[in-house]
Amino acid sequence: MPHFMIKVKYTAASVKGMIANPHDRQKAAAAAIEAVGGKLLSFYMAFGHDDVISIYEAPDAITAAALAMAVGGAGGLSSVETVPLLTMAEATAAMKKASTVQAAYKAPSA
């Protein structure tokens, strides 16, 4: 099953609510991912630009997009970014395909 990384930033109101009522957000993330047929693999709270970084499996990219739309549209996040991830075997296959594309592609010239 394909892997994805999702990075989210909470709204100020969400952070305020979590401070007032601390609770495990990993459970909510796992439930959302399982609802689309996926599996949560890791969940980390972070500080900096992103508040949460998570890795999960989903059946396909359309499912990952639907998940991002659903959690992003719920109102508790100010940003959601989903990044498709490749295993090294998949990356190696992509590198091999890239050589075919490279032979056909002509870069723009000045």
Protein backbone atom coordinates (compact mmCIF):
# COMPACT_ATOMS: atom_id res chain seq x y z
CA MET A 1 0.00 0.00 0.00
CA PRO A 2 1.41 3.47 -0.84
CA HIS A 3 2.84 5.60 1.95
CA PHE A 4 2.16 9.28 2.57
CA MET A 5 3.40 11.93 4.95
CA ILE A 6 0.93 14.51 6.17
CA LYS A 7 2.05 17.74 7.81
CA VAL A 8 -0.51 19.92 9.56
CA LYS A 9 -0.64 23.17 11.46
CA TYR A 10 -3.36 23.74 14.02
CA THR A 11 -5.37 26.96 14.20
CA ALA A 12 -4.77 29.18 17.24
CA ALA A 13 -8.20 28.15 18.54
CA SER A 14 -7.27 24.46 18.29
CA VAL A 15 -4.02 25.01 20.20
CA LYS A 16 -5.88 26.98 22.85
CA GLY A 17 -8.37 24.12 23.17
CA MET A 18 -5.63 21.48 23.50
CA ILE A 19 -3.92 23.51 26.22
CA ALA A 20 -7.21 23.85 28.12
CA ASN A 21 -8.04 20.15 27.59
CA PRO A 22 -4.91 18.08 26.84
CA HIS A 23 -5.70 14.90 24.92
CA ASP A 24 -4.18 12.39 22.51
CA ARG A 25 -4.66 13.62 18.92
CA GLN A 26 -3.07 10.45 17.55
CA LYS A 27 -6.33 8.59 18.21
CA ALA A 28 -8.30 11.05 16.06
CA ALA A 29 -5.73 10.80 13.26
CA ALA A 30 -5.77 6.99 13.35
CA ALA A 31 -9.58 6.93 13.23
CA ALA A 32 -9.66 9.23 10.17
CA ILE A 33 -7.02 7.20 8.34
CA GLU A 34 -8.70 3.88 9.17
CA ALA A 35 -12.02 5.30 7.92
CA VAL A 36 -10.54 5.50 4.40
CA GLY A 37 -8.95 2.04 4.56
CA GLY A 38 -5.49 3.19 5.61
CA LYS A 39 -3.19 2.60 8.55
CA LEU A 40 -1.38 5.14 10.74
CA LEU A 41 2.32 4.23 10.97
CA SER A 42 3.73 7.15 12.97
CA PHE A 43 2.45 10.35 14.54
CA TYR A 44 4.64 13.11 15.93
CA MET A 45 3.84 16.45 17.48
CA ALA A 46 6.41 18.98 16.29
CA PHE A 47 7.28 22.60 16.76
CA GLY A 48 8.29 25.01 14.08
CA HIS A 49 6.29 25.43 10.90
CA ASP A 50 4.29 22.20 11.35
CA ASP A 51 2.50 21.04 14.49
CA VAL A 52 2.06 17.40 13.44
CA ILE A 53 4.02 15.18 11.08
CA SER A 54 2.57 11.75 10.42
CA ILE A 55 3.30 8.80 8.13
CA TYR A 56 0.47 6.55 7.00
CA GLU A 57 -0.56 3.99 4.41
CA ALA A 58 -3.53 4.57 2.12
CA PRO A 59 -4.92 2.59 -0.81
CA ASP A 60 -4.02 5.31 -3.37
CA ALA A 61 -3.40 9.02 -3.95
CA ILE A 62 -7.10 9.79 -4.41
CA THR A 63 -7.79 8.36 -0.96
CA ALA A 64 -4.93 10.43 0.51
CA ALA A 65 -6.38 13.55 -1.13
CA ALA A 66 -9.83 12.77 0.28
CA LEU A 67 -8.32 12.40 3.75
CA ALA A 68 -6.54 15.75 3.44
CA MET A 69 -9.76 17.41 2.28
CA ALA A 70 -11.76 15.94 5.15
CA VAL A 71 -9.34 16.86 7.94
CA GLY A 72 -8.51 20.22 6.36
CA GLY A 73 -12.18 21.07 5.95
CA ALA A 74 -13.05 20.25 9.56
CA GLY A 75 -11.88 23.71 10.66
CA GLY A 76 -9.22 22.85 13.25
CA LEU A 77 -6.22 23.22 10.96
CA SER A 78 -4.74 26.23 9.23
CA SER A 79 -2.71 24.15 6.77
CA VAL A 80 -2.46 20.57 5.51
CA GLU A 81 0.24 19.21 3.22
CA THR A 82 0.31 15.63 1.95
CA VAL A 83 3.55 14.25 0.50
CA PRO A 84 3.60 10.93 -1.39
CA LEU A 85 6.51 8.74 -0.28
CA LEU A 86 8.41 6.13 -2.28
CA THR A 87 10.23 3.07 -1.02
CA MET A 88 13.78 2.70 -2.32
CA ALA A 89 12.55 0.00 -4.73
CA GLU A 90 9.95 2.43 -6.10
CA ALA A 91 12.51 5.24 -6.26
CA THR A 92 14.91 2.99 -8.17
CA ALA A 93 12.16 2.10 -10.65
CA ALA A 94 11.47 5.83 -11.07
CA MET A 95 15.15 6.48 -11.71
CA LYS A 96 15.14 3.84 -14.44
CA LYS A 97 12.05 5.39 -16.06
CA ALA A 98 13.63 8.82 -15.80
CA SER A 99 16.40 7.76 -18.17
CA THR A 100 13.77 7.07 -20.86
CA VAL A 101 12.12 10.43 -20.25
CA GLN A 102 15.47 12.18 -20.21
CA ALA A 103 16.26 10.89 -23.69
CA ALA A 104 12.95 12.28 -25.03
CA TYR A 105 12.79 15.59 -23.14
CA LYS A 106 14.43 18.71 -24.53
CA ALA A 107 15.06 21.51 -22.04
CA PRO A 108 14.26 25.07 -23.11
CA SER A 109 17.19 27.03 -24.43
CA ALA A 110 17.99 30.71 -24.28
